[in-house]
Amino acid sequence: MADVLAKPKRTSLSEEDITEVTLRQMKENKEGVTSYPILDFDERAMELLCSGIEETLQYSKVKPAGGVCYRFCKRAFDIVASGLALLILLIPLGIVMLLIYCEDKGKPIFSQVRLTERGRPFRMYKLRSMCVDAEARFAEVQKENQSDGIAFKSDDDPRITKIGKFIRKTSIDELPQFFNVLKGDMSLIGPRPPLPREVVLYTPEHMDRLLVKGGLSCICQTEGRSDMPFEDWVESDIEYVKTRSAWLDLKLMCKTVTAVLLRKGAK
């Protein structure tokens, strides 16, 4: 089945294909997925994945909460808050970028294709916490997954640099995503944008978290992040989709600040 999914010339990635691969891997390995069918997505494979997500979401029974007024106010707040954050953090970010460059002379900003609302791809920015060839080396470490689900997590990932361990623990590596929020790729609050190699293994139920724009933080990030089981993580995102409101967003922002300061679940 992995070979079938890996062929970019297929006309479609069926819901059955995705579900079969996911359920089989989860059954065989209770610790989580340790082999991803597609690591490198060319343009055609990405188009197939995005169209498959769009088609699957047409049949979703989940209705995102929030009307036109909520979405307008949410976007306006995102623009103002992210713009101010970038101005305030300009000098601290510059210092951290210099430290990253001094360690291994690589580019301090790392960008990675992620998926947001309705499966739309975009480049998400982070301060680089891994070696410069981390993506090329993913095939070497994917079997070391310590997550109980699809997302990859490893406490002893050899690709993480010395400064990288610090900025990941303190969540400093996520700060460039304020630029993604300002651009409109992300929101301050929303389900974390997943990688294409993860989404290709999603079941239709998992894809419901892509009904709304991805964000810097959501319920999972305030409740322990890496400590939360994958299925609970997905359920919390879907709960957010169904109940989101200005009050909930404000509450999650406050809880996110507390979680970051306490380094709750950060790895």
Protein backbone atom coordinates (compact mmCIF):
# COMPACT_ATOMS: atom_id res chain seq x y z
CA MET A 1 0.00 0.00 0.00
CA ALA A 2 2.89 2.36 0.74
CA ASP A 3 4.16 1.77 -2.80
CA VAL A 4 0.75 2.64 -4.21
CA LEU A 5 0.63 5.91 -2.30
CA ALA A 6 4.17 6.81 -3.29
CA LYS A 7 3.45 6.90 -7.02
CA PRO A 8 2.78 10.56 -7.95
CA LYS A 9 1.20 9.65 -11.31
CA ARG A 10 -1.92 8.22 -9.72
CA THR A 11 -5.06 10.17 -10.57
CA SER A 12 -6.26 10.19 -6.95
CA LEU A 13 -5.43 9.31 -3.40
CA SER A 14 -8.56 7.54 -2.26
CA GLU A 15 -10.00 7.83 1.22
CA GLU A 16 -9.75 4.03 1.48
CA ASP A 17 -6.02 4.07 0.67
CA ILE A 18 -5.26 6.65 3.35
CA THR A 19 -7.41 4.99 5.99
CA GLU A 20 -6.04 1.48 5.32
CA VAL A 21 -2.40 2.53 5.66
CA THR A 22 -3.07 4.50 8.84
CA LEU A 23 -5.12 1.85 10.62
CA ARG A 24 -2.67 -0.90 9.67
CA GLN A 25 0.33 0.99 11.03
CA MET A 26 -1.47 1.98 14.23
CA LYS A 27 -2.50 -1.64 14.79
CA GLU A 28 0.99 -3.01 14.19
CA ASN A 29 2.78 -0.37 16.24
CA LYS A 30 1.06 0.91 19.37
CA GLU A 31 3.85 3.43 19.86
CA GLY A 32 2.87 5.31 16.69
CA VAL A 33 3.66 5.55 12.99
CA THR A 34 7.30 4.81 12.19
CA SER A 35 7.17 4.74 8.39
CA TYR A 36 5.70 7.47 6.20
CA PRO A 37 4.61 6.44 2.66
CA ILE A 38 5.70 9.75 1.11
CA LEU A 39 8.53 11.91 2.45
CA ASP A 40 9.08 14.20 -0.54
CA PHE A 41 6.04 15.65 -2.29
CA ASP A 42 6.45 16.87 -5.84
CA GLU A 43 3.93 19.29 -7.33
CA ARG A 44 1.67 16.54 -8.66
CA ALA A 45 1.62 14.58 -5.38
CA MET A 46 0.80 17.76 -3.47
CA GLU A 47 -2.06 18.55 -5.84
CA LEU A 48 -3.48 15.06 -5.34
CA LEU A 49 -3.25 15.32 -1.57
CA CYS A 50 -4.87 18.76 -1.42
CA SER A 51 -7.70 17.76 -3.76
CA GLY A 52 -8.24 14.62 -1.70
CA ILE A 53 -8.52 16.68 1.48
CA GLU A 54 -10.98 19.09 -0.16
CA GLU A 55 -13.14 16.22 -1.38
CA THR A 56 -13.09 14.44 1.99
CA LEU A 57 -14.05 17.59 3.89
CA GLN A 58 -17.13 18.03 1.69
CA TYR A 59 -18.61 15.06 3.54
CA SER A 60 -17.57 16.15 7.03
CA LYS A 61 -20.33 16.24 9.63
CA VAL A 62 -18.45 18.85 11.67
CA LYS A 63 -19.68 22.43 11.27
CA PRO A 64 -17.11 25.11 12.23
CA ALA A 65 -18.45 27.60 14.76
CA GLY A 66 -18.21 31.36 14.29
CA GLY A 67 -20.00 33.62 11.84
CA VAL A 68 -18.83 36.40 9.52
CA CYS A 69 -18.42 38.92 12.35
CA TYR A 70 -16.27 36.50 14.36
CA ARG A 71 -14.02 35.71 11.40
CA PHE A 72 -13.60 39.42 10.57
CA CYS A 73 -12.71 40.35 14.17
CA LYS A 74 -10.39 37.35 14.47
CA ARG A 75 -8.47 38.35 11.35
CA ALA A 76 -8.26 42.01 12.43
CA PHE A 77 -6.90 40.99 15.84
CA ASP A 78 -4.41 38.61 14.21
CA ILE A 79 -3.02 41.43 12.06
CA VAL A 80 -2.65 43.91 14.92
CA ALA A 81 -1.29 41.42 17.47
CA SER A 82 1.19 39.71 15.12
CA GLY A 83 2.43 43.06 13.78
CA LEU A 84 3.09 44.37 17.29
CA ALA A 85 4.73 41.10 18.31
CA LEU A 86 7.14 41.23 15.37
CA LEU A 87 8.11 44.84 16.22
CA ILE A 88 8.72 44.00 19.87
CA LEU A 89 10.62 40.80 19.10
CA LEU A 90 12.74 42.20 16.26
CA ILE A 91 15.95 42.64 18.27
CA PRO A 92 15.61 39.44 20.41
CA LEU A 93 14.93 37.42 17.26
CA GLY A 94 18.00 38.94 15.61
CA ILE A 95 20.18 37.88 18.56
CA VAL A 96 18.88 34.31 18.52
CA MET A 97 19.35 34.11 14.74
CA LEU A 98 22.98 35.18 15.17
CA LEU A 99 23.54 32.46 17.78
CA ILE A 100 22.04 29.85 15.46
CA TYR A 101 24.27 30.96 12.60
CA CYS A 102 27.38 30.95 14.81
CA GLU A 103 26.81 27.32 15.82
CA ASP A 104 26.90 25.76 12.36
CA LYS A 105 26.94 28.64 9.84
CA GLY A 106 23.59 27.61 8.36
CA LYS A 107 20.55 29.77 7.64
CA PRO A 108 18.83 30.62 10.96
CA ILE A 109 15.32 30.62 9.49
CA PHE A 110 13.82 27.29 8.45
CA SER A 111 10.71 27.03 6.29
CA GLN A 112 8.61 23.94 5.81
CA VAL A 113 5.48 23.21 3.78
CA ARG A 114 2.45 22.76 6.01
CA LEU A 115 -1.27 22.47 5.37
CA THR A 116 -3.92 24.85 6.65
CA GLU A 117 -7.64 25.46 6.07
CA ARG A 118 -9.18 23.07 3.50
CA GLY A 119 -5.75 21.56 2.83
CA ARG A 120 -4.15 24.72 1.41
CA PRO A 121 -0.34 24.41 1.45
CA PHE A 122 1.89 27.22 2.68
CA ARG A 123 5.43 27.68 3.99
CA MET A 124 5.60 27.89 7.78
CA TYR A 125 8.61 29.66 9.27
CA LYS A 126 10.59 28.65 12.36
CA LEU A 127 13.94 29.44 13.89
CA ARG A 128 16.09 26.49 12.89
CA SER A 129 16.55 24.12 15.84
CA MET A 130 18.08 21.27 13.83
CA CYS A 131 21.10 20.70 11.63
CA VAL A 132 20.97 22.15 8.12
CA ASP A 133 20.25 18.77 6.48
CA ALA A 134 17.55 17.72 8.97
CA GLU A 135 14.84 17.13 6.36
CA ALA A 136 17.15 14.99 4.23
CA ARG A 137 17.99 12.90 7.29
CA PHE A 138 14.38 12.32 8.38
CA ALA A 139 14.35 8.88 6.74
CA GLU A 140 17.13 7.86 9.18
CA VAL A 141 15.17 8.77 12.31
CA GLN A 142 11.52 8.16 11.44
CA LYS A 143 11.57 4.73 13.12
CA GLU A 144 12.50 6.44 16.41
CA ASN A 145 9.04 8.02 16.71
CA GLN A 146 8.02 8.29 20.39
CA SER A 147 4.55 9.60 19.63
CA ASP A 148 1.55 7.29 19.92
CA GLY A 149 0.15 8.59 16.67
CA ILE A 150 1.01 10.07 13.27
CA ALA A 151 2.98 13.17 14.29
CA PHE A 152 6.73 12.52 14.73
CA LYS A 153 8.28 13.19 18.15
CA SER A 154 11.61 12.11 19.58
CA ASP A 155 13.29 13.28 22.78
CA ASP A 156 16.71 12.15 21.53
CA ASP A 157 16.57 13.34 17.94
CA PRO A 158 20.26 13.56 16.89
CA ARG A 159 19.42 16.31 14.40
CA ILE A 160 18.69 18.88 17.13
CA THR A 161 21.50 21.39 17.72
CA LYS A 162 22.68 22.72 21.10
CA ILE A 163 20.94 26.08 20.71
CA GLY A 164 18.04 24.18 19.17
CA LYS A 165 17.34 22.31 22.41
CA PHE A 166 17.01 25.62 24.25
CA ILE A 167 14.77 27.39 21.74
CA ARG A 168 12.50 24.33 21.48
CA LYS A 169 12.16 24.06 25.26
CA THR A 170 11.24 27.75 25.49
CA SER A 171 9.14 27.75 22.28
CA ILE A 172 11.32 30.55 20.90
CA ASP A 173 11.65 28.59 17.66
CA GLU A 174 7.96 29.23 16.93
CA LEU A 175 8.17 33.05 17.06
CA PRO A 176 8.73 33.61 13.29
CA GLN A 177 5.22 32.23 12.78
CA PHE A 178 3.90 35.65 13.78
CA PHE A 179 4.90 36.52 10.21
CA ASN A 180 2.70 33.67 8.93
CA VAL A 181 -0.15 35.09 11.03
CA LEU A 182 0.42 38.57 9.60
CA LYS A 183 0.38 37.16 6.05
CA GLY A 184 -2.86 35.31 6.70
CA ASP A 185 -1.47 31.77 6.39
CA MET A 186 -2.18 31.15 10.07
CA SER A 187 -4.14 32.55 12.99
CA LEU A 188 -2.99 33.12 16.56
CA ILE A 189 -5.40 30.42 17.72
CA GLY A 190 -6.22 27.34 15.66
CA PRO A 191 -5.14 23.70 15.18
CA ARG A 192 -1.41 23.36 14.58
CA PRO A 193 -0.73 23.07 10.81
CA PRO A 194 0.36 19.48 10.00
CA LEU A 195 2.98 18.23 7.55
CA PRO A 196 1.86 16.67 4.23
CA ARG A 197 3.58 13.39 5.15
CA GLU A 198 1.36 13.24 8.25
CA VAL A 199 -1.88 14.24 6.52
CA VAL A 200 -1.48 11.54 3.85
CA LEU A 201 -2.04 9.08 6.73
CA TYR A 202 -5.04 10.89 8.21
CA THR A 203 -8.40 9.17 8.44
CA PRO A 204 -11.42 11.27 7.35
CA GLU A 205 -12.07 12.03 11.04
CA HIS A 206 -8.53 13.37 11.50
CA MET A 207 -9.01 15.67 8.52
CA ASP A 208 -11.78 17.55 10.31
CA ARG A 209 -9.06 19.55 12.06
CA LEU A 210 -8.31 21.10 8.66
CA LEU A 211 -11.76 22.70 8.42
CA VAL A 212 -10.38 25.96 9.83
CA LYS A 213 -7.18 27.96 9.51
CA GLY A 214 -4.21 26.59 11.43
CA GLY A 215 -2.79 28.53 14.34
CA LEU A 216 0.14 29.20 16.65
CA SER A 217 -1.66 27.56 19.54
CA CYS A 218 -4.82 25.66 20.36
CA ILE A 219 -6.23 23.52 23.18
CA CYS A 220 -3.47 20.91 22.85
CA GLN A 221 -0.68 23.46 23.33
CA THR A 222 -2.26 24.66 26.57
CA GLU A 223 -2.76 21.16 27.98
CA GLY A 224 0.70 19.69 27.74
CA ARG A 225 1.58 19.71 24.03
CA SER A 226 3.93 16.76 23.56
CA ASP A 227 2.45 14.96 26.57
CA MET A 228 -1.02 14.67 25.02
CA PRO A 229 -1.85 11.41 23.18
CA PHE A 230 -2.38 11.88 19.45
CA GLU A 231 -6.06 10.92 19.41
CA ASP A 232 -6.77 13.30 22.31
CA TRP A 233 -4.88 16.00 20.41
CA VAL A 234 -7.09 15.50 17.36
CA GLU A 235 -10.25 15.43 19.47
CA SER A 236 -9.27 18.68 21.18
CA ASP A 237 -8.72 20.36 17.80
CA ILE A 238 -12.11 19.20 16.52
CA GLU A 239 -13.72 20.40 19.76
CA TYR A 240 -12.16 23.81 19.09
CA VAL A 241 -13.50 23.81 15.52
CA LYS A 242 -17.01 23.14 16.80
CA THR A 243 -16.97 25.64 19.69
CA ARG A 244 -14.56 28.44 18.69
CA SER A 245 -15.48 31.95 19.72
CA ALA A 246 -13.77 35.24 20.59
CA TRP A 247 -13.98 34.36 24.29
CA LEU A 248 -12.47 30.91 23.77
CA ASP A 249 -9.66 32.38 21.65
CA LEU A 250 -8.85 34.94 24.34
CA LYS A 251 -8.87 32.27 27.04
CA LEU A 252 -6.55 30.02 25.01
CA MET A 253 -4.14 32.92 24.40
CA CYS A 254 -3.84 33.48 28.15
CA LYS A 255 -3.41 29.75 28.83
CA THR A 256 -0.78 29.55 26.07
CA VAL A 257 1.34 32.24 27.74
CA THR A 258 1.16 30.31 31.02
CA ALA A 259 2.05 27.01 29.33
CA VAL A 260 5.06 28.57 27.59
CA LEU A 261 6.34 30.23 30.78
CA LEU A 262 6.01 26.95 32.68
CA ARG A 263 7.43 25.00 29.69
CA LYS A 264 4.48 22.64 30.02
CA GLY A 265 4.98 19.69 27.67
CA ALA A 266 7.76 21.45 25.71
CA LYS A 267 10.38 19.12 24.21
